[in-house]
């Protein structure tokens, strides 16, 4: 597991247990228990003992799999990003053109952001509690999500179904898409009163496509 994490640019969190499969399974159990506690109480107010109890462990057993409470928060952030990345990767290659893939990926991303809105808020709220090294790895994980949309946009440029001025504009557009998902998580308290998720996705996708195709075709029948 350590070699795989390093190969993908992820931070390797040491464990005393040497069985990699067991470490992966147990840490996922710990992450699942920690997410609810961190959302409800916050990172700083959650104790190590509470984390252990939520996972059904002793405190001593917890320290077999992590060294610090910060490690648990990092693993939570990594798991959230990993779940998002897997959901999006399933959409790449499923459609015929870059534009069709982009539309499908945006729709899936919005559904993921809706489903994981509390987890997204958790990352933004608690990442500052991590030390500089762990925080940089969390930001790298965020960049991997953005690169998925960069890949799709490049496919659209190559097959002629999308248009962008240059690579700098492409990267900015990828970040715009990611932020639109975060906006649903941050401002759903208001947006959901005005738009069902499907309509929010349709309107935002149409606005993006107007820029990406240099015409108004993506706007018809939407606004």
Protein backbone atom coordinates (compact mmCIF):
# COMPACT_ATOMS: atom_id res chain seq x y z
CA UNK A 1 0.00 0.00 0.00
CA UNK A 2 2.81 2.41 0.82
CA UNK A 3 4.41 1.92 -2.60
CA UNK A 4 1.06 2.44 -4.32
CA UNK A 5 0.37 5.62 -2.37
CA UNK A 6 3.80 7.02 -3.13
CA UNK A 7 3.40 6.21 -6.83
CA UNK A 8 0.19 8.26 -6.92
CA UNK A 9 1.68 11.21 -5.03
CA UNK A 10 -0.18 10.45 -1.81
CA UNK A 11 1.31 10.83 1.64
CA UNK A 12 2.35 7.55 3.23
CA UNK A 13 1.04 7.36 6.80
CA UNK A 14 3.14 4.87 8.83
CA UNK A 15 1.47 2.04 10.74
CA UNK A 16 2.89 -0.46 13.23
CA UNK A 17 0.86 -3.24 11.61
CA UNK A 18 2.73 -4.65 8.61
CA UNK A 19 -0.17 -6.39 6.86
CA UNK A 20 -0.99 -3.82 4.16
CA UNK A 21 -4.42 -5.25 3.31
CA UNK A 22 -5.41 -5.25 6.97
CA UNK A 23 -4.15 -1.69 7.43
CA UNK A 24 -6.21 -0.53 4.45
CA UNK A 25 -9.37 -2.22 5.74
CA UNK A 26 -8.99 -1.03 9.31
CA UNK A 27 -8.16 2.50 8.29
CA UNK A 28 -11.28 2.65 6.14
CA UNK A 29 -13.31 1.59 9.19
CA UNK A 30 -11.61 4.34 11.18
CA UNK A 31 -12.24 6.93 8.46
CA UNK A 32 -15.93 6.04 8.27
CA UNK A 33 -16.22 6.47 12.03
CA UNK A 34 -14.21 9.70 12.06
CA UNK A 35 -16.17 11.47 9.32
CA UNK A 36 -19.34 11.58 11.38
CA UNK A 37 -17.50 12.79 14.48
CA UNK A 38 -15.55 15.49 12.63
CA UNK A 39 -18.70 16.76 10.90
CA UNK A 40 -20.69 16.81 14.14
CA UNK A 41 -18.06 18.02 16.64
CA UNK A 42 -15.19 19.36 14.56
CA UNK A 43 -11.63 18.06 14.48
CA UNK A 44 -10.34 19.93 17.52
CA UNK A 45 -13.23 18.97 19.81
CA UNK A 46 -13.07 15.29 18.87
CA UNK A 47 -10.81 13.28 21.16
CA UNK A 48 -8.66 10.32 20.26
CA UNK A 49 -10.67 8.21 22.69
CA UNK A 50 -13.89 9.16 20.89
CA UNK A 51 -12.36 8.17 17.56
CA UNK A 52 -11.34 4.80 18.94
CA UNK A 53 -14.74 4.18 20.52
CA UNK A 54 -16.59 5.14 17.32
CA UNK A 55 -14.53 2.57 15.43
CA UNK A 56 -15.09 -0.05 18.15
CA UNK A 57 -11.42 -0.02 19.10
CA UNK A 58 -9.29 0.65 22.13
CA UNK A 59 -7.02 3.70 22.08
CA UNK A 60 -4.05 1.35 22.01
CA UNK A 61 -5.36 -0.37 18.89
CA UNK A 62 -5.89 2.98 17.18
CA UNK A 63 -2.19 3.76 17.61
CA UNK A 64 -1.34 0.54 15.80
CA UNK A 65 -2.73 2.13 12.62
CA UNK A 66 -1.97 5.86 13.00
CA UNK A 67 0.44 7.95 15.04
CA UNK A 68 -1.63 11.10 15.58
CA UNK A 69 -5.13 12.50 15.33
CA UNK A 70 -3.83 14.61 12.43
CA UNK A 71 -3.13 11.37 10.57
CA UNK A 72 -6.79 10.45 10.93
CA UNK A 73 -7.90 13.81 9.50
CA UNK A 74 -5.55 13.41 6.57
CA UNK A 75 -6.86 9.90 5.90
CA UNK A 76 -10.42 11.27 6.00
CA UNK A 77 -9.56 13.94 3.41
CA UNK A 78 -7.75 11.39 1.25
CA UNK A 79 -10.72 9.00 1.37
CA UNK A 80 -13.16 11.75 0.40
CA UNK A 81 -11.04 12.77 -2.57
CA UNK A 82 -10.54 9.13 -3.52
CA UNK A 83 -14.29 8.47 -3.56
CA UNK A 84 -14.84 11.53 -5.75
CA UNK A 85 -12.03 10.59 -8.12
CA UNK A 86 -13.30 7.03 -8.60
CA UNK A 87 -16.82 8.23 -9.37
CA UNK A 88 -15.51 10.64 -12.00
CA UNK A 89 -13.02 8.24 -13.57
CA UNK A 90 -15.91 5.91 -14.37
CA UNK A 91 -17.31 8.60 -16.67
CA UNK A 92 -14.15 9.03 -18.71
CA UNK A 93 -14.29 6.95 -21.86
CA UNK A 94 -17.98 6.17 -21.47
CA UNK A 95 -19.10 8.70 -24.09
CA UNK A 96 -18.26 9.17 -27.76
CA UNK A 97 -16.92 12.74 -27.78
CA UNK A 98 -15.13 15.11 -25.47
CA UNK A 99 -18.22 17.28 -25.17
CA UNK A 100 -20.49 14.34 -24.34
CA UNK A 101 -17.97 13.07 -21.80
CA UNK A 102 -17.75 16.52 -20.23
CA UNK A 103 -21.53 16.77 -19.88
CA UNK A 104 -21.72 13.31 -18.30
CA UNK A 105 -18.77 14.01 -15.98
CA UNK A 106 -20.23 17.33 -14.80
CA UNK A 107 -23.57 15.66 -14.07
CA UNK A 108 -21.85 12.90 -12.08
CA UNK A 109 -19.63 15.41 -10.27
CA UNK A 110 -22.64 17.47 -9.20
CA UNK A 111 -24.35 14.34 -7.89
CA UNK A 112 -21.19 13.43 -5.96
CA UNK A 113 -20.92 16.95 -4.51
CA UNK A 114 -24.57 16.78 -3.46
CA UNK A 115 -24.10 13.37 -1.86
CA UNK A 116 -20.83 14.36 -0.17
CA UNK A 117 -21.62 17.98 0.68
CA UNK A 118 -20.92 17.55 4.40
CA UNK A 119 -17.60 15.90 3.60
CA UNK A 120 -16.63 18.73 1.23
CA UNK A 121 -17.43 21.29 3.92
CA UNK A 122 -15.39 19.23 6.37
CA UNK A 123 -12.31 19.41 4.15
CA UNK A 124 -12.55 23.18 3.79
CA UNK A 125 -13.27 23.72 7.47
CA UNK A 126 -10.64 21.44 8.98
CA UNK A 127 -7.71 21.32 6.54
CA UNK A 128 -6.06 24.25 8.32
CA UNK A 129 -5.60 21.95 11.33
CA UNK A 130 -3.11 19.85 9.37
CA UNK A 131 0.60 20.56 9.38
CA UNK A 132 2.12 22.05 6.25
CA UNK A 133 3.20 18.73 4.75
CA UNK A 134 -0.16 17.00 5.16
CA UNK A 135 -2.01 20.10 3.96
CA UNK A 136 0.06 20.14 0.75
CA UNK A 137 -0.88 16.53 0.09
CA UNK A 138 -4.57 17.35 0.56
CA UNK A 139 -4.23 20.16 -1.99
CA UNK A 140 -2.52 17.76 -4.39
CA UNK A 141 -5.46 15.41 -4.02
CA UNK A 142 -7.75 18.31 -4.90
CA UNK A 143 -5.62 19.00 -7.97
CA UNK A 144 -6.12 15.41 -9.14
CA UNK A 145 -9.87 16.01 -9.27
CA UNK A 146 -9.27 19.13 -11.35
CA UNK A 147 -6.95 17.25 -13.73
CA UNK A 148 -9.79 14.86 -14.58
CA UNK A 149 -11.67 17.76 -16.10
CA UNK A 150 -8.49 18.98 -17.80
CA UNK A 151 -8.20 15.56 -19.48
CA UNK A 152 -11.80 15.71 -20.68
CA UNK A 153 -11.43 19.25 -21.98
CA UNK A 154 -8.32 18.25 -23.92
CA UNK A 155 -10.22 15.36 -25.47
CA UNK A 156 -12.86 17.83 -26.61
CA UNK A 157 -10.22 20.09 -28.12
CA UNK A 158 -8.67 17.16 -29.96
CA UNK A 159 -11.93 15.92 -31.45
CA UNK A 160 -13.20 19.42 -32.22
CA UNK A 161 -16.29 19.32 -30.03
CA UNK A 162 -14.92 21.95 -27.61
CA UNK A 163 -12.93 25.15 -28.11
CA UNK A 164 -10.59 27.01 -25.79
CA UNK A 165 -8.10 29.77 -26.45
CA UNK A 166 -5.04 28.10 -24.92
CA UNK A 167 -3.83 25.72 -22.23
CA UNK A 168 -4.04 28.41 -19.56
CA UNK A 169 -7.74 28.94 -20.34
CA UNK A 170 -8.24 25.16 -20.25
CA UNK A 171 -6.80 24.88 -16.75
CA UNK A 172 -8.92 27.81 -15.55
CA UNK A 173 -12.05 26.21 -17.00
CA UNK A 174 -11.29 22.95 -15.17
CA UNK A 175 -11.00 24.85 -11.89
CA UNK A 176 -14.26 26.68 -12.66
CA UNK A 177 -16.07 23.36 -13.01
CA UNK A 178 -14.71 22.06 -9.70
CA UNK A 179 -15.71 25.26 -7.90
CA UNK A 180 -19.27 25.02 -9.29
CA UNK A 181 -19.61 21.70 -7.49
CA UNK A 182 -18.24 23.20 -4.31
CA UNK A 183 -20.63 26.11 -4.65
CA UNK A 184 -23.55 23.67 -4.55
CA UNK A 185 -22.13 22.23 -1.31
CA UNK A 186 -21.46 25.66 0.24
CA UNK A 187 -24.63 27.44 -0.84
CA UNK A 188 -27.12 24.62 -1.15
CA UNK A 189 -29.08 26.21 1.70
CA UNK A 190 -30.08 28.89 -0.82
CA UNK A 191 -29.60 27.30 -4.24
CA UNK A 192 -31.80 24.29 -3.46
CA UNK A 193 -34.72 26.66 -2.86
CA UNK A 194 -34.36 27.98 -6.41
CA UNK A 195 -33.04 24.98 -8.33
CA UNK A 196 -33.40 21.23 -8.02
CA UNK A 197 -29.95 19.66 -8.46
CA UNK A 198 -30.75 18.56 -12.03
CA UNK A 199 -31.74 22.09 -13.05
CA UNK A 200 -28.70 23.62 -11.36
CA UNK A 201 -26.51 21.15 -13.26
CA UNK A 202 -28.27 21.85 -16.56
CA UNK A 203 -28.01 25.62 -16.26
CA UNK A 204 -24.36 25.59 -15.18
CA UNK A 205 -23.44 23.10 -17.91
CA UNK A 206 -25.14 25.28 -20.52
CA UNK A 207 -23.25 28.36 -19.35
CA UNK A 208 -19.98 26.43 -19.57
CA UNK A 209 -20.80 25.07 -23.02
CA UNK A 210 -21.58 28.53 -24.35
CA UNK A 211 -17.99 29.48 -23.57
CA UNK A 212 -16.58 26.15 -24.71
CA UNK A 213 -18.33 26.10 -28.09
CA UNK A 214 -18.39 29.84 -28.88
CA UNK A 215 -22.08 29.78 -29.69
CA UNK A 216 -25.45 29.89 -27.98
CA UNK A 217 -26.54 26.33 -28.75
CA UNK A 218 -25.92 25.16 -25.21
CA UNK A 219 -28.28 27.82 -23.83
CA UNK A 220 -31.40 26.96 -25.84
CA UNK A 221 -34.33 25.69 -23.84
CA UNK A 222 -32.54 26.12 -20.52
CA UNK A 223 -32.94 29.69 -19.25
